[in-house]
Amino acid sequence: MSVEEQLKGIVTRIVHCEPEVLTPDNTWKDMKADSLDLVQILVAVEDTFGIEIPDEDTEKIHNFGEFVAYIERRVAEKASA
């Protein structure tokens, strides 16, 4: 399962949205995710992939496409470490 597919599973489970809503350009607001949802998503992603996501990085992520790219990059960094 790809990183993107895993992220879609996490987000749809927490936000209770349809996977079709998770397009690269859609923002958290488009997905109707509130701040508690975001915290739960980040914790689930950190646990799933064994990475840490600093708060300053989360402030730079504006849409689902950026989120996927960021997590893919962090997973690749962990694998090469």
PDB file of N, CA and C in Angstrom:
ATOM      1  N   MET A   1       0.849  -1.176   0.000  1.00  0.00           N
ATOM      2  CA  MET A   1       0.000   0.000   0.000  1.00  0.00           C
ATOM      3  C   MET A   1       0.900   1.246   0.000  1.00  0.00           C
ATOM      4  N   SER A   2       0.583   2.181  -0.859  1.00  0.00           N
ATOM      5  CA  SER A   2       1.403   3.386  -0.974  1.00  0.00           C
ATOM      6  C   SER A   2       1.176   4.308   0.228  1.00  0.00           C
ATOM      7  N   VAL A   3       2.102   5.243   0.404  1.00  0.00           N
ATOM      8  CA  VAL A   3       1.969   6.236   1.467  1.00  0.00           C
ATOM      9  C   VAL A   3       0.662   7.004   1.284  1.00  0.00           C
ATOM     10  N   GLU A   4       0.379   7.411   0.063  1.00  0.00           N
ATOM     11  CA  GLU A   4      -0.845   8.177  -0.191  1.00  0.00           C
ATOM     12  C   GLU A   4      -2.091   7.383   0.191  1.00  0.00           C
ATOM     13  N   GLU A   5      -2.119   6.097  -0.148  1.00  0.00           N
ATOM     14  CA  GLU A   5      -3.281   5.273   0.191  1.00  0.00           C
ATOM     15  C   GLU A   5      -3.438   5.146   1.704  1.00  0.00           C
ATOM     16  N   GLN A   6      -2.303   4.987   2.405  1.00  0.00           N
ATOM     17  CA  GLN A   6      -2.359   4.897   3.863  1.00  0.00           C
ATOM     18  C   GLN A   6      -2.853   6.206   4.471  1.00  0.00           C
ATOM     19  N   LEU A   7      -2.380   7.331   3.937  1.00  0.00           N
ATOM     20  CA  LEU A   7      -2.823   8.629   4.433  1.00  0.00           C
ATOM     21  C   LEU A   7      -4.316   8.838   4.180  1.00  0.00           C
ATOM     22  N   LYS A   8      -4.779   8.433   3.015  1.00  0.00           N
ATOM     23  CA  LYS A   8      -6.211   8.550   2.721  1.00  0.00           C
ATOM     24  C   LYS A   8      -7.022   7.745   3.727  1.00  0.00           C
ATOM     25  N   GLY A   9      -6.539   6.549   4.067  1.00  0.00           N
ATOM     26  CA  GLY A   9      -7.232   5.718   5.046  1.00  0.00           C
ATOM     27  C   GLY A   9      -7.295   6.386   6.406  1.00  0.00           C
ATOM     28  N   ILE A  10      -6.179   6.967   6.834  1.00  0.00           N
ATOM     29  CA  ILE A  10      -6.126   7.643   8.130  1.00  0.00           C
ATOM     30  C   ILE A  10      -7.072   8.847   8.136  1.00  0.00           C
ATOM     31  N   VAL A  11      -6.980   9.686   7.115  1.00  0.00           N
ATOM     32  CA  VAL A  11      -7.782  10.911   7.079  1.00  0.00           C
ATOM     33  C   VAL A  11      -9.270  10.585   6.981  1.00  0.00           C
ATOM     34  N   THR A  12      -9.649   9.659   6.128  1.00  0.00           N
ATOM     35  CA  THR A  12     -11.082   9.352   5.990  1.00  0.00           C
ATOM     36  C   THR A  12     -11.644   8.743   7.270  1.00  0.00           C
ATOM     37  N   ARG A  13     -10.832   7.970   7.981  1.00  0.00           N
ATOM     38  CA  ARG A  13     -11.288   7.371   9.235  1.00  0.00           C
ATOM     39  C   ARG A  13     -11.514   8.438  10.316  1.00  0.00           C
ATOM     40  N   ILE A  14     -10.629   9.426  10.372  1.00  0.00           N
ATOM     41  CA  ILE A  14     -10.715  10.448  11.420  1.00  0.00           C
ATOM     42  C   ILE A  14     -11.707  11.552  11.069  1.00  0.00           C
ATOM     43  N   VAL A  15     -11.674  12.010   9.839  1.00  0.00           N
ATOM     44  CA  VAL A  15     -12.525  13.139   9.436  1.00  0.00           C
ATOM     45  C   VAL A  15     -13.922  12.673   8.998  1.00  0.00           C
ATOM     46  N   HIS A  16     -14.064  11.385   8.716  1.00  0.00           N
ATOM     47  CA  HIS A  16     -15.334  10.828   8.239  1.00  0.00           C
ATOM     48  C   HIS A  16     -15.750  11.476   6.920  1.00  0.00           C
ATOM     49  N   CYS A  17     -14.795  11.548   6.006  1.00  0.00           N
ATOM     50  CA  CYS A  17     -15.089  12.072   4.676  1.00  0.00           C
ATOM     51  C   CYS A  17     -14.882  10.966   3.649  1.00  0.00           C
ATOM     52  N   GLU A  18     -15.371  11.201   2.467  1.00  0.00           N
ATOM     53  CA  GLU A  18     -15.195  10.251   1.374  1.00  0.00           C
ATOM     54  C   GLU A  18     -13.789  10.397   0.790  1.00  0.00           C
ATOM     55  N   PRO A  19     -13.162   9.301   0.352  1.00  0.00           N
ATOM     56  CA  PRO A  19     -11.817   9.386  -0.227  1.00  0.00           C
ATOM     57  C   PRO A  19     -11.735  10.325  -1.428  1.00  0.00           C
ATOM     58  N   GLU A  20     -12.839  10.501  -2.146  1.00  0.00           N
ATOM     59  CA  GLU A  20     -12.854  11.374  -3.326  1.00  0.00           C
ATOM     60  C   GLU A  20     -12.578  12.831  -2.957  1.00  0.00           C
ATOM     61  N   VAL A  21     -12.816  13.190  -1.700  1.00  0.00           N
ATOM     62  CA  VAL A  21     -12.579  14.565  -1.245  1.00  0.00           C
ATOM     63  C   VAL A  21     -11.075  14.839  -1.119  1.00  0.00           C
ATOM     64  N   LEU A  22     -10.286  13.786  -1.005  1.00  0.00           N
ATOM     65  CA  LEU A  22      -8.853  13.940  -0.771  1.00  0.00           C
ATOM     66  C   LEU A  22      -8.093  14.087  -2.083  1.00  0.00           C
ATOM     67  N   THR A  23      -8.277  15.234  -2.708  1.00  0.00           N
ATOM     68  CA  THR A  23      -7.549  15.547  -3.931  1.00  0.00           C
ATOM     69  C   THR A  23      -6.330  16.386  -3.556  1.00  0.00           C
ATOM     70  N   PRO A  24      -5.309  16.415  -4.409  1.00  0.00           N
ATOM     71  CA  PRO A  24      -4.090  17.153  -4.065  1.00  0.00           C
ATOM     72  C   PRO A  24      -4.316  18.619  -3.712  1.00  0.00           C
ATOM     73  N   ASP A  25      -5.294  19.269  -4.321  1.00  0.00           N
ATOM     74  CA  ASP A  25      -5.507  20.696  -4.092  1.00  0.00           C
ATOM     75  C   ASP A  25      -6.444  21.015  -2.927  1.00  0.00           C
ATOM     76  N   ASN A  26      -7.146  20.008  -2.414  1.00  0.00           N
ATOM     77  CA  ASN A  26      -8.094  20.276  -1.330  1.00  0.00           C
ATOM     78  C   ASN A  26      -7.376  20.562  -0.018  1.00  0.00           C
ATOM     79  N   THR A  27      -7.866  21.593   0.656  1.00  0.00           N
ATOM     80  CA  THR A  27      -7.302  21.993   1.945  1.00  0.00           C
ATOM     81  C   THR A  27      -7.998  21.223   3.069  1.00  0.00           C
ATOM     82  N   TRP A  28      -7.457  21.371   4.287  1.00  0.00           N
ATOM     83  CA  TRP A  28      -8.101  20.749   5.452  1.00  0.00           C
ATOM     84  C   TRP A  28      -9.522  21.303   5.602  1.00  0.00           C
ATOM     85  N   LYS A  29      -9.679  22.585   5.313  1.00  0.00           N
ATOM     86  CA  LYS A  29     -11.011  23.204   5.406  1.00  0.00           C
ATOM     87  C   LYS A  29     -11.963  22.562   4.398  1.00  0.00           C
ATOM     88  N   ASP A  30     -11.479  22.300   3.176  1.00  0.00           N
ATOM     89  CA  ASP A  30     -12.305  21.633   2.160  1.00  0.00           C
ATOM     90  C   ASP A  30     -12.766  20.257   2.640  1.00  0.00           C
ATOM     91  N   MET A  31     -11.897  19.604   3.430  1.00  0.00           N
ATOM     92  CA  MET A  31     -12.209  18.269   3.940  1.00  0.00           C
ATOM     93  C   MET A  31     -13.072  18.332   5.196  1.00  0.00           C
ATOM     94  N   LYS A  32     -13.324  19.557   5.671  1.00  0.00           N
ATOM     95  CA  LYS A  32     -14.093  19.801   6.893  1.00  0.00           C
ATOM     96  C   LYS A  32     -13.391  19.225   8.125  1.00  0.00           C
ATOM     97  N   ALA A  33     -12.058  19.300   8.131  1.00  0.00           N
ATOM     98  CA  ALA A  33     -11.265  18.845   9.272  1.00  0.00           C
ATOM     99  C   ALA A  33     -11.042  20.015  10.226  1.00  0.00           C
ATOM    100  N   ASP A  34     -11.354  19.797  11.509  1.00  0.00           N
ATOM    101  CA  ASP A  34     -11.112  20.849  12.494  1.00  0.00           C
ATOM    102  C   ASP A  34      -9.758  20.616  13.166  1.00  0.00           C
ATOM    103  N   SER A  35      -9.404  21.464  14.121  1.00  0.00           N
ATOM    104  CA  SER A  35      -8.078  21.384  14.733  1.00  0.00           C
ATOM    105  C   SER A  35      -7.875  20.070  15.493  1.00  0.00           C
ATOM    106  N   LEU A  36      -8.914  19.552  16.127  1.00  0.00           N
ATOM    107  CA  LEU A  36      -8.796  18.266  16.812  1.00  0.00           C
ATOM    108  C   LEU A  36      -8.557  17.144  15.808  1.00  0.00           C
ATOM    109  N   ASP A  37      -9.263  17.192  14.684  1.00  0.00           N
ATOM    110  CA  ASP A  37      -9.035  16.206  13.617  1.00  0.00           C
ATOM    111  C   ASP A  37      -7.581  16.233  13.174  1.00  0.00           C
ATOM    112  N   LEU A  38      -7.043  17.439  13.001  1.00  0.00           N
ATOM    113  CA  LEU A  38      -5.654  17.556  12.540  1.00  0.00           C
ATOM    114  C   LEU A  38      -4.680  16.951  13.531  1.00  0.00           C
ATOM    115  N   VAL A  39      -4.894  17.194  14.805  1.00  0.00           N
ATOM    116  CA  VAL A  39      -4.022  16.613  15.830  1.00  0.00           C
ATOM    117  C   VAL A  39      -4.112  15.091  15.779  1.00  0.00           C
ATOM    118  N   GLN A  40      -5.331  14.562  15.680  1.00  0.00           N
ATOM    119  CA  GLN A  40      -5.508  13.109  15.616  1.00  0.00           C
ATOM    120  C   GLN A  40      -4.860  12.523  14.361  1.00  0.00           C
ATOM    121  N   ILE A  41      -4.967  13.220  13.245  1.00  0.00           N
ATOM    122  CA  ILE A  41      -4.335  12.762  12.001  1.00  0.00           C
ATOM    123  C   ILE A  41      -2.826  12.720  12.171  1.00  0.00           C
ATOM    124  N   LEU A  42      -2.254  13.780  12.723  1.00  0.00           N
ATOM    125  CA  LEU A  42      -0.798  13.827  12.885  1.00  0.00           C
ATOM    126  C   LEU A  42      -0.299  12.734  13.811  1.00  0.00           C
ATOM    127  N   VAL A  43      -0.998  12.486  14.907  1.00  0.00           N
ATOM    128  CA  VAL A  43      -0.602  11.419  15.840  1.00  0.00           C
ATOM    129  C   VAL A  43      -0.680  10.063  15.138  1.00  0.00           C
ATOM    130  N   ALA A  44      -1.758   9.831  14.412  1.00  0.00           N
ATOM    131  CA  ALA A  44      -1.919   8.558  13.700  1.00  0.00           C
ATOM    132  C   ALA A  44      -0.836   8.375  12.645  1.00  0.00           C
ATOM    133  N   VAL A  45      -0.491   9.439  11.938  1.00  0.00           N
ATOM    134  CA  VAL A  45       0.548   9.364  10.906  1.00  0.00           C
ATOM    135  C   VAL A  45       1.912   9.102  11.550  1.00  0.00           C
ATOM    136  N   GLU A  46       2.202   9.801  12.634  1.00  0.00           N
ATOM    137  CA  GLU A  46       3.472   9.578  13.334  1.00  0.00           C
ATOM    138  C   GLU A  46       3.580   8.130  13.805  1.00  0.00           C
ATOM    139  N   ASP A  47       2.499   7.586  14.362  1.00  0.00           N
ATOM    140  CA  ASP A  47       2.500   6.199  14.829  1.00  0.00           C
ATOM    141  C   ASP A  47       2.623   5.213  13.669  1.00  0.00           C
ATOM    142  N   THR A  48       1.904   5.462  12.611  1.00  0.00           N
ATOM    143  CA  THR A  48       1.893   4.551  11.466  1.00  0.00           C
ATOM    144  C   THR A  48       3.257   4.467  10.790  1.00  0.00           C
ATOM    145  N   PHE A  49       3.901   5.619  10.609  1.00  0.00           N
ATOM    146  CA  PHE A  49       5.146   5.659   9.850  1.00  0.00           C
ATOM    147  C   PHE A  49       6.396   5.741  10.727  1.00  0.00           C
ATOM    148  N   GLY A  50       6.221   5.868  12.031  1.00  0.00           N
ATOM    149  CA  GLY A  50       7.370   5.939  12.934  1.00  0.00           C
ATOM    150  C   GLY A  50       8.210   7.189  12.730  1.00  0.00           C
ATOM    151  N   ILE A  51       7.545   8.307  12.471  1.00  0.00           N
ATOM    152  CA  ILE A  51       8.248   9.574  12.258  1.00  0.00           C
ATOM    153  C   ILE A  51       7.703  10.613  13.221  1.00  0.00           C
ATOM    154  N   GLU A  52       8.434  11.714  13.367  1.00  0.00           N
ATOM    155  CA  GLU A  52       7.945  12.848  14.132  1.00  0.00           C
ATOM    156  C   GLU A  52       7.704  14.004  13.171  1.00  0.00           C
ATOM    157  N   ILE A  53       6.620  14.717  13.393  1.00  0.00           N
ATOM    158  CA  ILE A  53       6.269  15.847  12.535  1.00  0.00           C
ATOM    159  C   ILE A  53       6.307  17.112  13.401  1.00  0.00           C
ATOM    160  N   PRO A  54       7.342  17.929  13.234  1.00  0.00           N
ATOM    161  CA  PRO A  54       7.430  19.156  14.037  1.00  0.00           C
ATOM    162  C   PRO A  54       6.287  20.130  13.724  1.00  0.00           C
ATOM    163  N   ASP A  55       5.862  20.860  14.759  1.00  0.00           N
ATOM    164  CA  ASP A  55       4.765  21.822  14.588  1.00  0.00           C
ATOM    165  C   ASP A  55       5.051  22.832  13.486  1.00  0.00           C
ATOM    166  N   GLU A  56       6.308  23.282  13.405  1.00  0.00           N
ATOM    167  CA  GLU A  56       6.626  24.292  12.381  1.00  0.00           C
ATOM    168  C   GLU A  56       6.465  23.739  10.968  1.00  0.00           C
ATOM    169  N   ASP A  57       6.621  22.429  10.795  1.00  0.00           N
ATOM    170  CA  ASP A  57       6.400  21.834   9.478  1.00  0.00           C
ATOM    171  C   ASP A  57       4.909  21.772   9.149  1.00  0.00           C
ATOM    172  N   THR A  58       4.091  21.478  10.150  1.00  0.00           N
ATOM    173  CA  THR A  58       2.651  21.359   9.878  1.00  0.00           C
ATOM    174  C   THR A  58       2.049  22.686   9.443  1.00  0.00           C
ATOM    175  N   GLU A  59       2.631  23.774   9.910  1.00  0.00           N
ATOM    176  CA  GLU A  59       2.121  25.098   9.530  1.00  0.00           C
ATOM    177  C   GLU A  59       2.363  25.414   8.058  1.00  0.00           C
ATOM    178  N   LYS A  60       3.294  24.682   7.430  1.00  0.00           N
ATOM    179  CA  LYS A  60       3.632  24.926   6.025  1.00  0.00           C
ATOM    180  C   LYS A  60       2.820  24.050   5.068  1.00  0.00           C
ATOM    181  N   ILE A  61       2.044  23.125   5.607  1.00  0.00           N
ATOM    182  CA  ILE A  61       1.268  22.196   4.778  1.00  0.00           C
ATOM    183  C   ILE A  61      -0.139  22.766   4.605  1.00  0.00           C
ATOM    184  N   HIS A  62      -0.505  23.072   3.363  1.00  0.00           N
ATOM    185  CA  HIS A  62      -1.774  23.750   3.100  1.00  0.00           C
ATOM    186  C   HIS A  62      -2.832  22.879   2.428  1.00  0.00           C
ATOM    187  N   ASN A  63      -2.416  21.794   1.800  1.00  0.00           N
ATOM    188  CA  ASN A  63      -3.403  20.946   1.131  1.00  0.00           C
ATOM    189  C   ASN A  63      -2.963  19.486   1.191  1.00  0.00           C
ATOM    190  N   PHE A  64      -3.835  18.598   0.736  1.00  0.00           N
ATOM    191  CA  PHE A  64      -3.561  17.170   0.852  1.00  0.00           C
ATOM    192  C   PHE A  64      -2.349  16.755   0.020  1.00  0.00           C
ATOM    193  N   GLY A  65      -2.171  17.369  -1.139  1.00  0.00           N
ATOM    194  CA  GLY A  65      -1.006  17.045  -1.977  1.00  0.00           C
ATOM    195  C   GLY A  65       0.304  17.364  -1.274  1.00  0.00           C
ATOM    196  N   GLU A  66       0.368  18.521  -0.618  1.00  0.00           N
ATOM    197  CA  GLU A  66       1.572  18.898   0.133  1.00  0.00           C
ATOM    198  C   GLU A  66       1.789  17.943   1.301  1.00  0.00           C
ATOM    199  N   PHE A  67       0.702  17.521   1.943  1.00  0.00           N
ATOM    200  CA  PHE A  67       0.784  16.590   3.061  1.00  0.00           C
ATOM    201  C   PHE A  67       1.367  15.255   2.607  1.00  0.00           C
ATOM    202  N   VAL A  68       0.867  14.732   1.505  1.00  0.00           N
ATOM    203  CA  VAL A  68       1.374  13.462   0.971  1.00  0.00           C
ATOM    204  C   VAL A  68       2.854  13.588   0.622  1.00  0.00           C
ATOM    205  N   ALA A  69       3.221  14.652  -0.086  1.00  0.00           N
ATOM    206  CA  ALA A  69       4.622  14.848  -0.483  1.00  0.00           C
ATOM    207  C   ALA A  69       5.521  14.954   0.742  1.00  0.00           C
ATOM    208  N   TYR A  70       5.075  15.667   1.769  1.00  0.00           N
ATOM    209  CA  TYR A  70       5.869  15.830   2.990  1.00  0.00           C
ATOM    210  C   TYR A  70       6.078  14.479   3.684  1.00  0.00           C
ATOM    211  N   ILE A  71       5.006  13.712   3.836  1.00  0.00           N
ATOM    212  CA  ILE A  71       5.123  12.409   4.520  1.00  0.00           C
ATOM    213  C   ILE A  71       5.981  11.453   3.695  1.00  0.00           C
ATOM    214  N   GLU A  72       5.825  11.444   2.381  1.00  0.00           N
ATOM    215  CA  GLU A  72       6.665  10.594   1.533  1.00  0.00           C
ATOM    216  C   GLU A  72       8.145  10.946   1.707  1.00  0.00           C
ATOM    217  N   ARG A  73       8.438  12.240   1.772  1.00  0.00           N
ATOM    218  CA  ARG A  73       9.816  12.698   1.956  1.00  0.00           C
ATOM    219  C   ARG A  73      10.356  12.253   3.323  1.00  0.00           C
ATOM    220  N   ARG A  74       9.552  12.413   4.366  1.00  0.00           N
ATOM    221  CA  ARG A  74       9.992  12.033   5.714  1.00  0.00           C
ATOM    222  C   ARG A  74      10.205  10.519   5.823  1.00  0.00           C
ATOM    223  N   VAL A  75       9.338   9.736   5.194  1.00  0.00           N
ATOM    224  CA  VAL A  75       9.467   8.278   5.203  1.00  0.00           C
ATOM    225  C   VAL A  75      10.734   7.860   4.461  1.00  0.00           C
ATOM    226  N   ALA A  76      11.016   8.515   3.344  1.00  0.00           N
ATOM    227  CA  ALA A  76      12.228   8.215   2.571  1.00  0.00           C
ATOM    228  C   ALA A  76      13.481   8.582   3.383  1.00  0.00           C
ATOM    229  N   GLU A  77      13.441   9.719   4.066  1.00  0.00           N
ATOM    230  CA  GLU A  77      14.576  10.125   4.914  1.00  0.00           C
ATOM    231  C   GLU A  77      14.824   9.099   6.008  1.00  0.00           C
ATOM    232  N   LYS A  78      13.754   8.611   6.615  1.00  0.00           N
ATOM    233  CA  LYS A  78      13.881   7.609   7.684  1.00  0.00           C
ATOM    234  C   LYS A  78      14.481   6.320   7.137  1.00  0.00           C
ATOM    235  N   ALA A  79      14.044   5.932   5.943  1.00  0.00           N
ATOM    236  CA  ALA A  79      14.533   4.689   5.341  1.00  0.00           C
ATOM    237  C   ALA A  79      16.011   4.771   4.988  1.00  0.00           C
ATOM    238  N   SER A  80      16.475   5.972   4.633  1.00  0.00           N
ATOM    239  CA  SER A  80      17.880   6.109   4.230  1.00  0.00           C
ATOM    240  C   SER A  80      18.798   6.407   5.405  1.00  0.00           C
ATOM    241  N   ALA A  81      18.224   6.620   6.579  1.00  0.00           N
ATOM    242  CA  ALA A  81      19.045   6.954   7.771  1.00  0.00           C
ATOM    243  C   ALA A  81      19.677   5.716   8.381  1.00  0.00           C
TER     244      ALA A  81
END
